[in-house]
Amino acid sequence: MKYVFFFLLLCTCFVRGQEIKVSSNWYEVMRVSDIYGAGNDYPLYVESKKKKSKISIKAFPKSKQKDIYEFFTVFVHLEPVNWHDSLELSIRRTSNGKGKSGVIYGGRNWQLIHRFSSDLFGTVGARKGIAVQYRIKGLSVLLPVDTYSTEIVFTVLNL
């Protein structure tokens, strides 16, 4: 039986002046039974649940003023562990989370995660419980059987 495993590890980065926390991980098992008939391939893509990971951002050290008025930008990139070049990993924000200021912007559309950092979304003030979803494209029966994994690195910058 042919199995292709995907396992995503989540990392967080801390920079003085802010803090970001990410909870969760995601794995997907592709089986021969996932192929819909002879001569066909795996589905075009697989998606995680809409609230697979939760991201929380706050000022550090704790500051009530910064938690309300500070601008934060969240960046994302991947660090391949054992990743095939034909696989494309995308991410999108699926909720606003909770915060005192109520301002969050960007990240609603699918965005390809590269090996270099790109901005995912921004907030004004601290937020917690911001949900994100993942999608993998490029699945094929031609991929060598293996356990593919990568780390997703989130970095927060306050402006």
Protein backbone atom coordinates (compact mmCIF):
# COMPACT_ATOMS: atom_id res chain seq x y z
CA MET A 1 0.00 0.00 0.00
CA LYS A 2 1.38 3.42 -0.96
CA TYR A 3 1.41 6.13 1.72
CA VAL A 4 2.61 9.68 1.48
CA PHE A 5 2.79 11.49 4.82
CA PHE A 6 2.86 15.23 5.32
CA PHE A 7 3.79 16.66 8.65
CA LEU A 8 4.04 20.37 9.34
CA LEU A 9 5.92 21.63 12.35
CA LEU A 10 5.13 25.07 13.62
CA CYS A 11 7.77 27.39 15.02
CA THR A 12 7.56 30.80 16.53
CA CYS A 13 10.08 33.57 16.66
CA PHE A 14 10.41 36.10 19.42
CA VAL A 15 11.81 39.56 18.93
CA ARG A 16 12.25 41.96 21.80
CA GLY A 17 9.20 44.17 22.14
CA GLN A 18 6.55 41.65 21.07
CA GLU A 19 5.58 38.04 21.52
CA ILE A 20 3.90 35.57 19.18
CA LYS A 21 2.58 32.14 20.10
CA VAL A 22 1.28 29.51 17.69
CA SER A 23 -0.55 26.39 18.78
CA SER A 24 -1.09 23.22 16.74
CA ASN A 25 0.43 21.02 14.08
CA TRP A 26 -1.05 19.28 11.05
CA TYR A 27 -0.42 16.02 9.31
CA GLU A 28 -2.16 14.36 6.40
CA VAL A 29 -1.88 10.74 5.29
CA MET A 30 -2.43 10.04 1.59
CA ARG A 31 -3.49 6.47 0.78
CA VAL A 32 -4.02 4.59 -2.45
CA SER A 33 -7.74 4.64 -1.62
CA ASP A 34 -7.63 8.46 -1.97
CA ILE A 35 -7.22 7.99 -5.74
CA TYR A 36 -10.59 8.05 -7.45
CA GLY A 37 -10.31 5.29 -10.02
CA ALA A 38 -7.68 3.74 -12.27
CA GLY A 39 -5.55 6.21 -14.20
CA ASN A 40 -6.43 9.07 -11.85
CA ASP A 41 -4.29 10.94 -9.37
CA TYR A 42 -4.68 12.29 -5.85
CA PRO A 43 -6.99 15.27 -5.35
CA LEU A 44 -5.61 18.60 -6.63
CA TYR A 45 -5.00 19.74 -3.03
CA VAL A 46 -5.68 18.90 0.61
CA GLU A 47 -6.68 21.45 3.23
CA SER A 48 -6.46 21.49 6.99
CA LYS A 49 -9.43 22.49 9.11
CA LYS A 50 -10.23 26.22 9.02
CA LYS A 51 -9.09 26.75 12.60
CA LYS A 52 -6.12 24.35 12.56
CA SER A 53 -3.67 26.77 14.16
CA LYS A 54 -4.24 29.70 16.48
CA ILE A 55 -1.88 32.68 16.62
CA SER A 56 -1.67 35.12 19.52
CA ILE A 57 0.31 38.38 19.52
CA LYS A 58 1.05 40.77 22.36
CA ALA A 59 3.54 43.40 23.42
CA PHE A 60 6.48 42.24 25.51
CA PRO A 61 7.17 43.22 28.19
CA LYS A 62 3.50 43.66 29.00
CA SER A 63 2.25 47.14 28.25
CA LYS A 64 -1.43 48.09 28.25
CA GLN A 65 -0.72 51.04 25.95
CA LYS A 66 1.15 48.92 23.38
CA ASP A 67 -1.44 46.13 23.56
CA ILE A 68 -4.06 48.62 22.36
CA TYR A 69 -2.22 50.95 19.95
CA GLU A 70 0.90 49.17 18.69
CA PHE A 71 1.08 48.03 15.02
CA PHE A 72 2.13 44.39 14.57
CA THR A 73 2.93 42.59 11.31
CA VAL A 74 3.11 38.78 11.14
CA PHE A 75 5.51 37.25 8.61
CA VAL A 76 5.65 33.61 7.54
CA HIS A 77 8.15 31.35 5.78
CA LEU A 78 8.96 27.67 5.65
CA GLU A 79 12.10 25.80 6.62
CA PRO A 80 12.09 22.50 4.71
CA VAL A 81 13.00 19.44 6.73
CA ASN A 82 12.23 16.81 4.10
CA TRP A 83 10.16 18.62 1.49
CA HIS A 84 9.68 17.89 -2.23
CA ASP A 85 10.08 20.85 -4.60
CA SER A 86 6.81 20.07 -6.41
CA LEU A 87 4.77 20.55 -3.21
CA GLU A 88 3.25 23.98 -2.63
CA LEU A 89 2.18 24.96 0.87
CA SER A 90 -0.26 27.85 1.26
CA ILE A 91 -1.80 29.61 4.25
CA ARG A 92 -4.69 31.97 4.95
CA ARG A 93 -6.22 33.68 7.97
CA THR A 94 -9.72 32.37 8.74
CA SER A 95 -10.69 34.47 11.77
CA ASN A 96 -10.04 37.85 13.35
CA GLY A 97 -9.28 36.47 16.78
CA LYS A 98 -10.00 38.68 19.78
CA GLY A 99 -8.50 42.01 20.74
CA LYS A 100 -9.30 45.32 22.40
CA SER A 101 -8.78 47.47 19.31
CA GLY A 102 -10.62 45.24 16.84
CA VAL A 103 -8.34 46.02 13.88
CA ILE A 104 -6.81 43.21 11.83
CA TYR A 105 -6.07 43.30 8.10
CA GLY A 106 -4.74 41.09 5.31
CA GLY A 107 -4.20 37.37 5.08
CA ARG A 108 -7.73 36.35 4.01
CA ASN A 109 -6.66 34.97 0.60
CA TRP A 110 -4.51 31.89 0.03
CA GLN A 111 -0.85 32.84 0.06
CA LEU A 112 1.99 30.58 -1.00
CA ILE A 113 4.57 30.09 1.77
CA HIS A 114 8.11 30.47 0.46
CA ARG A 115 11.56 29.90 1.92
CA PHE A 116 11.83 33.66 2.41
CA SER A 117 9.62 35.68 4.74
CA SER A 118 6.56 37.43 3.43
CA ASP A 119 3.91 39.31 5.37
CA LEU A 120 0.79 37.36 6.22
CA PHE A 121 -1.38 39.88 8.09
CA GLY A 122 -1.21 42.88 10.39
CA THR A 123 -2.97 44.11 13.51
CA VAL A 124 -3.35 47.25 15.54
CA GLY A 125 -3.04 46.12 19.14
CA ALA A 126 -2.62 42.71 20.67
CA ARG A 127 -4.82 39.84 19.46
CA LYS A 128 -5.31 36.27 20.51
CA GLY A 129 -6.82 33.21 18.85
CA ILE A 130 -6.30 34.26 15.23
CA ALA A 131 -7.11 31.09 13.24
CA VAL A 132 -5.17 30.05 10.13
CA GLN A 133 -5.66 27.25 7.63
CA TYR A 134 -3.16 25.35 5.44
CA ARG A 135 -3.36 23.86 1.94
CA ILE A 136 -0.92 21.59 0.09
CA LYS A 137 -0.94 21.43 -3.73
CA GLY A 138 1.20 19.35 -6.05
CA LEU A 139 0.19 15.93 -4.79
CA SER A 140 0.83 13.17 -7.28
CA VAL A 141 1.27 9.42 -7.50
CA LEU A 142 4.60 10.31 -9.13
CA LEU A 143 5.93 11.69 -5.82
CA PRO A 144 8.31 9.24 -4.19
CA VAL A 145 6.81 7.50 -1.16
CA ASP A 146 8.16 9.32 1.88
CA THR A 147 7.26 11.34 4.95
CA TYR A 148 7.45 14.97 3.85
CA SER A 149 7.78 17.60 6.53
CA THR A 150 8.54 21.27 6.88
CA GLU A 151 8.62 23.88 9.62
CA ILE A 152 6.43 26.94 9.29
CA VAL A 153 8.10 29.91 10.95
CA PHE A 154 6.02 32.89 12.09
CA THR A 155 7.77 36.13 12.97
CA VAL A 156 6.14 39.24 14.40
CA LEU A 157 7.42 42.77 13.96
CA ASN A 158 6.00 45.85 15.63
CA LEU A 159 6.23 49.18 13.84
